[in-house]
Amino acid sequence: MASESDEWTVRRILEWTTGYLRQHGSESPRLEAELLLSNACGWPRIQLYTHYDDQLQDDVRTKMRDLVRRRAASEPVAYLIGYREFFSLKFAVGPAVFIPRPETETLVLEALAVLKDAGEHPAERTFLDLCTGSGCVAVAIAVNAPGARGAAVEQSEETLAFARRNFETHGVAQRVELLQGDLDAPLAADRRFHVLVSNPPYVTTAEMQSLPADVRRFEPSAALEGGADGLDVVRRIARLASRRLVPGGWVMMELSPPQAEAGVEILTAAGLESATAVKDLSGAPRVIKARLPVG
């Protein structure tokens, strides 16, 4: 009979972990198993399949056991491995940072559509990212609109450290200024932008207790809770948009699909025009946007 060490190959560990995480409520157990094992091994994920029948050393198995135990206790995979991919880029994250979600890519796409419609002066296009968190939105915009410049604001000092690291990793720190403060407070009074983007807190106070355990117990509540109807910060950003946009500039915010209609009404009430909701890839309204009148 083979010994335990003979049996614990990459294949066997992936199969066992997938089943174990499924039993503990994971919605993507195979993907999570691969991410955790590649981290434990120090390999790219693809390398797992080129070493599928390799037996793993005791130190790797020990690290993997710890990672699986923590994931089964609801700790987010992104925190366990230290990063999350977003817009085909890798972002460092930790317990102080809201983890980037694929739904937010809709916000980036809408911003890029405006910034790339730059006519003869693309380098003059500017953007502002409020509640930047990991910096994923600002970085994705800057990387994909190389002529654009901007600013990003985050209130949490601990979160700001991760954003700064991501700015430097992706080479945008010279074009996007990173500031600490409450929304637009740290900006000079006369500073204006072509696009204002934000993924603000928009979970209602009542919904906070019904969030999945990995979100409720581990991710920062300040990045999630948006008041009784979830729209407290959305209202604040709508009110400040007119003083931070150039004439004809756009404000864009992510929110929950059921909030889209109310969000559009908030933008219109703030004196902005062409307010509308943009659907994400699943067909759900995910981003509200509106324009500052030219005249």
Protein backbone atom coordinates (compact mmCIF):
# COMPACT_ATOMS: atom_id res chain seq x y z
CA MET A 1 0.00 0.00 0.00
CA ALA A 2 1.32 3.42 -0.89
CA SER A 3 2.26 5.71 1.93
CA GLU A 4 0.41 8.97 2.54
CA SER A 5 3.18 10.98 0.90
CA ASP A 6 2.96 8.78 -2.21
CA GLU A 7 -0.74 9.46 -2.50
CA TRP A 8 -0.76 13.25 -2.14
CA THR A 9 -0.03 14.35 -5.67
CA VAL A 10 -1.13 17.64 -7.21
CA ARG A 11 -4.09 15.81 -8.76
CA ARG A 12 -5.17 14.21 -5.49
CA ILE A 13 -4.88 17.43 -3.49
CA LEU A 14 -6.89 19.38 -6.05
CA GLU A 15 -9.63 16.74 -6.11
CA TRP A 16 -9.81 16.49 -2.32
CA THR A 17 -9.75 20.27 -1.80
CA THR A 18 -12.42 20.85 -4.43
CA GLY A 19 -14.79 18.48 -2.66
CA TYR A 20 -13.97 19.88 0.77
CA LEU A 21 -14.54 23.49 -0.23
CA ARG A 22 -17.78 22.56 -2.00
CA GLN A 23 -19.01 21.04 1.26
CA HIS A 24 -18.16 24.31 3.01
CA GLY A 25 -20.22 26.45 0.65
CA SER A 26 -17.76 27.54 -2.01
CA GLU A 27 -19.40 28.55 -5.28
CA SER A 28 -16.15 28.02 -7.24
CA PRO A 29 -14.43 25.18 -5.39
CA ARG A 30 -12.19 23.99 -8.21
CA LEU A 31 -10.93 27.48 -9.05
CA GLU A 32 -10.31 28.20 -5.38
CA ALA A 33 -8.46 24.90 -4.94
CA GLU A 34 -6.18 25.77 -7.85
CA LEU A 35 -5.50 29.29 -6.59
CA LEU A 36 -4.67 28.06 -3.10
CA LEU A 37 -2.42 25.23 -4.29
CA SER A 38 -0.54 27.39 -6.77
CA ASN A 39 0.09 29.83 -3.92
CA ALA A 40 1.26 27.06 -1.59
CA CYS A 41 3.61 25.75 -4.28
CA GLY A 42 4.77 29.18 -5.41
CA TRP A 43 3.85 28.28 -8.99
CA PRO A 44 1.73 29.91 -11.71
CA ARG A 45 -1.64 28.13 -11.88
CA ILE A 46 -0.85 26.58 -15.26
CA GLN A 47 2.13 24.80 -13.73
CA LEU A 48 -0.18 22.64 -11.64
CA TYR A 49 -1.19 20.83 -14.81
CA THR A 50 2.35 20.28 -16.01
CA HIS A 51 3.10 18.66 -12.62
CA TYR A 52 -0.24 16.94 -12.20
CA ASP A 53 1.16 13.65 -10.90
CA ASP A 54 4.01 15.10 -8.85
CA GLN A 55 4.09 14.33 -5.14
CA LEU A 56 4.25 17.44 -2.99
CA GLN A 57 6.70 18.02 -0.16
CA ASP A 58 5.57 18.15 3.46
CA ASP A 59 6.12 21.91 3.77
CA VAL A 60 3.87 22.59 0.77
CA ARG A 61 1.18 20.30 2.11
CA THR A 62 1.37 21.98 5.51
CA LYS A 63 0.92 25.41 3.95
CA MET A 64 -1.93 24.11 1.81
CA ARG A 65 -3.72 22.64 4.83
CA ASP A 66 -3.57 26.01 6.57
CA LEU A 67 -4.91 27.85 3.52
CA VAL A 68 -7.77 25.38 3.06
CA ARG A 69 -8.66 25.54 6.77
CA ARG A 70 -8.84 29.32 6.62
CA ARG A 71 -10.88 29.32 3.41
CA ALA A 72 -13.32 26.81 4.91
CA ALA A 73 -13.76 29.32 7.74
CA SER A 74 -14.86 31.89 5.12
CA GLU A 75 -11.64 33.92 4.80
CA PRO A 76 -11.60 35.30 1.23
CA VAL A 77 -9.27 33.60 -1.23
CA ALA A 78 -8.00 37.00 -2.39
CA TYR A 79 -6.74 37.76 1.12
CA LEU A 80 -5.18 34.30 1.45
CA ILE A 81 -3.17 34.59 -1.75
CA GLY A 82 -2.68 38.37 -1.58
CA TYR A 83 -4.15 39.46 -4.89
CA ARG A 84 -7.20 39.60 -7.17
CA GLU A 85 -7.28 39.93 -10.95
CA PHE A 86 -9.35 42.74 -12.44
CA PHE A 87 -9.50 43.95 -16.04
CA SER A 88 -6.72 41.43 -16.86
CA LEU A 89 -4.43 43.07 -14.28
CA LYS A 90 -3.28 41.76 -10.90
CA PHE A 91 -3.99 43.85 -7.79
CA ALA A 92 -2.53 43.42 -4.32
CA VAL A 93 -5.24 43.22 -1.65
CA GLY A 94 -5.41 42.59 2.07
CA PRO A 95 -7.94 42.69 4.92
CA ALA A 96 -8.21 46.51 4.78
CA VAL A 97 -9.18 46.49 1.12
CA PHE A 98 -12.47 45.87 -0.65
CA ILE A 99 -11.83 43.04 -3.12
CA PRO A 100 -12.32 44.02 -6.79
CA ARG A 101 -15.32 42.41 -8.53
CA PRO A 102 -15.79 41.73 -12.24
CA GLU A 103 -19.02 43.75 -12.27
CA THR A 104 -16.96 46.89 -11.75
CA GLU A 105 -15.32 46.43 -15.15
CA THR A 106 -18.47 48.03 -16.62
CA LEU A 107 -17.52 51.25 -14.83
CA VAL A 108 -14.03 51.14 -16.37
CA LEU A 109 -15.40 50.51 -19.86
CA GLU A 110 -17.76 53.48 -19.65
CA ALA A 111 -14.96 55.77 -18.46
CA LEU A 112 -12.62 54.60 -21.22
CA ALA A 113 -15.28 55.28 -23.86
CA VAL A 114 -15.33 58.94 -22.80
CA LEU A 115 -11.58 59.33 -22.34
CA LYS A 116 -10.73 57.76 -25.69
CA ASP A 117 -13.11 60.12 -27.49
CA ALA A 118 -10.46 62.76 -27.08
CA GLY A 119 -10.24 64.30 -30.52
CA GLU A 120 -6.92 66.01 -31.15
CA HIS A 121 -5.93 66.39 -27.49
CA PRO A 122 -5.96 62.98 -25.77
CA ALA A 123 -3.29 64.01 -23.25
CA GLU A 124 -5.61 66.70 -21.91
CA ARG A 125 -8.22 64.18 -20.83
CA THR A 126 -8.45 63.79 -17.07
CA PHE A 127 -10.33 61.57 -14.61
CA LEU A 128 -11.09 61.44 -10.89
CA ASP A 129 -11.68 58.20 -8.99
CA LEU A 130 -13.38 58.58 -5.60
CA CYS A 131 -13.39 55.75 -3.01
CA THR A 132 -10.50 54.19 -4.96
CA GLY A 133 -9.86 51.29 -2.55
CA SER A 134 -7.28 49.00 -4.13
CA GLY A 135 -6.94 51.49 -6.98
CA CYS A 136 -8.21 48.93 -9.48
CA VAL A 137 -10.52 51.31 -11.35
CA ALA A 138 -7.99 54.14 -11.59
CA VAL A 139 -5.19 51.79 -12.65
CA ALA A 140 -7.31 49.99 -15.24
CA ILE A 141 -8.34 53.34 -16.73
CA ALA A 142 -4.80 54.73 -16.79
CA VAL A 143 -3.29 51.56 -18.27
CA ASN A 144 -5.87 51.45 -21.05
CA ALA A 145 -5.96 55.20 -21.75
CA PRO A 146 -2.22 55.98 -21.79
CA GLY A 147 -2.65 59.69 -22.52
CA ALA A 148 -5.02 60.31 -19.64
CA ARG A 149 -4.06 61.80 -16.31
CA GLY A 150 -6.03 61.89 -13.12
CA ALA A 151 -6.38 61.67 -9.37
CA ALA A 152 -7.68 59.01 -7.00
CA VAL A 153 -8.90 59.56 -3.45
CA GLU A 154 -9.18 57.09 -0.57
CA GLN A 155 -10.03 57.85 3.06
CA SER A 156 -8.41 54.86 4.79
CA GLU A 157 -4.66 55.16 5.34
CA GLU A 158 -4.26 51.37 5.45
CA THR A 159 -6.17 50.92 2.19
CA LEU A 160 -4.17 53.73 0.62
CA ALA A 161 -0.98 51.74 1.11
CA PHE A 162 -2.33 48.96 -1.10
CA ALA A 163 -3.48 51.46 -3.74
CA ARG A 164 -0.03 53.06 -3.77
CA ARG A 165 1.58 49.66 -4.24
CA ASN A 166 -0.76 48.86 -7.15
CA PHE A 167 -0.12 52.24 -8.78
CA GLU A 168 3.61 51.60 -8.67
CA THR A 169 3.31 48.00 -9.87
CA HIS A 170 1.38 49.04 -12.97
CA GLY A 171 3.45 52.13 -13.70
CA VAL A 172 0.74 54.79 -13.36
CA ALA A 173 1.96 56.65 -10.27
CA GLN A 174 3.42 59.47 -12.41
CA ARG A 175 0.10 60.09 -14.16
CA VAL A 176 -2.45 59.48 -11.41
CA GLU A 177 -2.12 61.38 -8.15
CA LEU A 178 -3.14 59.40 -5.07
CA LEU A 179 -4.67 61.43 -2.25
CA GLN A 180 -6.07 60.69 1.20
CA GLY A 181 -9.33 62.22 2.32
CA ASP A 182 -13.11 62.22 2.25
CA LEU A 183 -14.32 62.23 -1.36
CA ASP A 184 -13.10 65.42 -3.10
CA ALA A 185 -11.94 67.19 0.09
CA PRO A 186 -8.17 66.90 -0.60
CA LEU A 187 -8.45 68.41 -4.09
CA ALA A 188 -7.75 72.06 -4.91
CA ALA A 189 -11.01 73.99 -5.16
CA ASP A 190 -10.59 74.77 -8.88
CA ARG A 191 -9.55 71.31 -10.05
CA ARG A 192 -11.93 69.76 -12.61
CA PHE A 193 -12.01 66.57 -14.66
CA HIS A 194 -13.54 65.12 -17.82
CA VAL A 195 -14.72 61.98 -16.02
CA LEU A 196 -15.57 61.33 -12.38
CA VAL A 197 -15.88 57.64 -11.48
CA SER A 198 -16.67 55.88 -8.24
CA ASN A 199 -17.53 52.48 -6.86
CA PRO A 200 -18.94 53.84 -3.59
CA PRO A 201 -20.41 51.95 -0.63
CA TYR A 202 -23.97 51.04 -1.64
CA VAL A 203 -25.10 48.11 0.51
CA THR A 204 -28.08 49.05 2.67
CA THR A 205 -27.75 48.90 6.44
CA ALA A 206 -30.35 46.11 6.58
CA GLU A 207 -28.54 44.09 3.92
CA MET A 208 -25.22 44.14 5.76
CA GLN A 209 -26.20 41.26 8.04
CA SER A 210 -27.32 39.05 5.15
CA LEU A 211 -24.11 39.35 3.13
CA PRO A 212 -22.09 36.16 2.53
CA ALA A 213 -19.86 35.30 5.48
CA ASP A 214 -16.62 35.97 3.62
CA VAL A 215 -17.81 39.50 2.82
CA ARG A 216 -19.58 40.28 6.10
CA ARG A 217 -16.84 39.01 8.40
CA PHE A 218 -13.71 40.00 6.53
CA GLU A 219 -14.13 42.89 4.08
CA PRO A 220 -14.15 46.48 5.42
CA SER A 221 -17.68 47.61 6.27
CA ALA A 222 -16.78 51.22 5.42
CA ALA A 223 -16.36 50.15 1.79
CA LEU A 224 -19.74 48.41 1.78
CA GLU A 225 -22.41 50.17 3.85
CA GLY A 226 -24.16 53.12 2.20
CA GLY A 227 -26.89 53.92 4.71
CA ALA A 228 -30.56 53.04 5.01
CA ASP A 229 -31.16 52.86 1.25
CA GLY A 230 -27.50 52.37 0.31
CA LEU A 231 -27.35 55.68 -1.55
CA ASP A 232 -25.87 58.09 1.00
CA VAL A 233 -22.49 58.37 -0.75
CA VAL A 234 -24.12 58.31 -4.20
CA ARG A 235 -26.05 61.45 -3.21
CA ARG A 236 -22.90 63.17 -1.96
CA ILE A 237 -21.02 62.44 -5.17
CA ALA A 238 -23.94 63.61 -7.30
CA ARG A 239 -23.95 66.92 -5.43
CA LEU A 240 -20.21 67.51 -5.80
CA ALA A 241 -20.05 66.47 -9.47
CA SER A 242 -20.92 69.92 -10.80
CA ARG A 243 -17.89 71.50 -9.11
CA ARG A 244 -15.50 68.72 -10.17
CA LEU A 245 -16.45 68.27 -13.84
CA VAL A 246 -15.58 70.38 -16.84
CA PRO A 247 -18.63 71.43 -18.88
CA GLY A 248 -19.80 68.34 -20.74
CA GLY A 249 -17.94 66.04 -18.34
CA TRP A 250 -19.43 62.79 -17.08
CA VAL A 251 -20.00 61.33 -13.62
CA MET A 252 -20.31 57.53 -13.38
CA MET A 253 -21.02 55.34 -10.35
CA GLU A 254 -21.53 51.66 -9.73
CA LEU A 255 -24.50 50.54 -7.64
CA SER A 256 -26.80 47.58 -7.12
CA PRO A 257 -29.25 46.88 -9.99
CA PRO A 258 -32.36 47.51 -7.82
CA GLN A 259 -30.98 50.98 -7.03
CA ALA A 260 -30.58 52.04 -10.66
CA GLU A 261 -33.83 53.95 -11.02
CA ALA A 262 -33.32 55.86 -7.78
CA GLY A 263 -29.72 56.55 -8.76
CA VAL A 264 -30.74 58.08 -12.08
CA GLU A 265 -33.25 60.28 -10.26
CA ILE A 266 -30.50 61.45 -7.86
CA LEU A 267 -28.25 62.48 -10.76
CA THR A 268 -31.08 64.36 -12.47
CA ALA A 269 -32.03 66.14 -9.24
CA ALA A 270 -28.40 67.29 -8.92
CA GLY A 271 -28.76 69.27 -12.16
CA LEU A 272 -27.01 66.79 -14.44
CA GLU A 273 -28.35 65.81 -17.85
CA SER A 274 -28.68 62.62 -19.92
CA ALA A 275 -28.84 60.51 -16.75
CA THR A 276 -29.11 56.82 -17.53
CA ALA A 277 -28.25 53.34 -16.27
CA VAL A 278 -25.77 51.11 -18.11
CA LYS A 279 -26.15 47.32 -18.06
CA ASP A 280 -23.30 44.96 -17.23
CA LEU A 281 -22.50 41.77 -19.15
CA SER A 282 -25.24 39.91 -17.31
CA GLY A 283 -27.83 42.42 -18.51
CA ALA A 284 -28.38 44.03 -15.11
CA PRO A 285 -28.20 47.84 -14.68
CA ARG A 286 -24.86 48.32 -12.93
CA VAL A 287 -23.58 51.85 -13.62
CA ILE A 288 -25.44 55.14 -13.51
CA LYS A 289 -24.02 58.08 -15.43
CA ALA A 290 -24.91 61.66 -16.28
CA ARG A 291 -23.34 64.70 -17.90
CA LEU A 292 -22.70 68.23 -16.68
CA PRO A 293 -24.47 70.63 -19.07
CA VAL A 294 -22.18 72.60 -21.38
CA GLY A 295 -24.11 75.81 -21.12
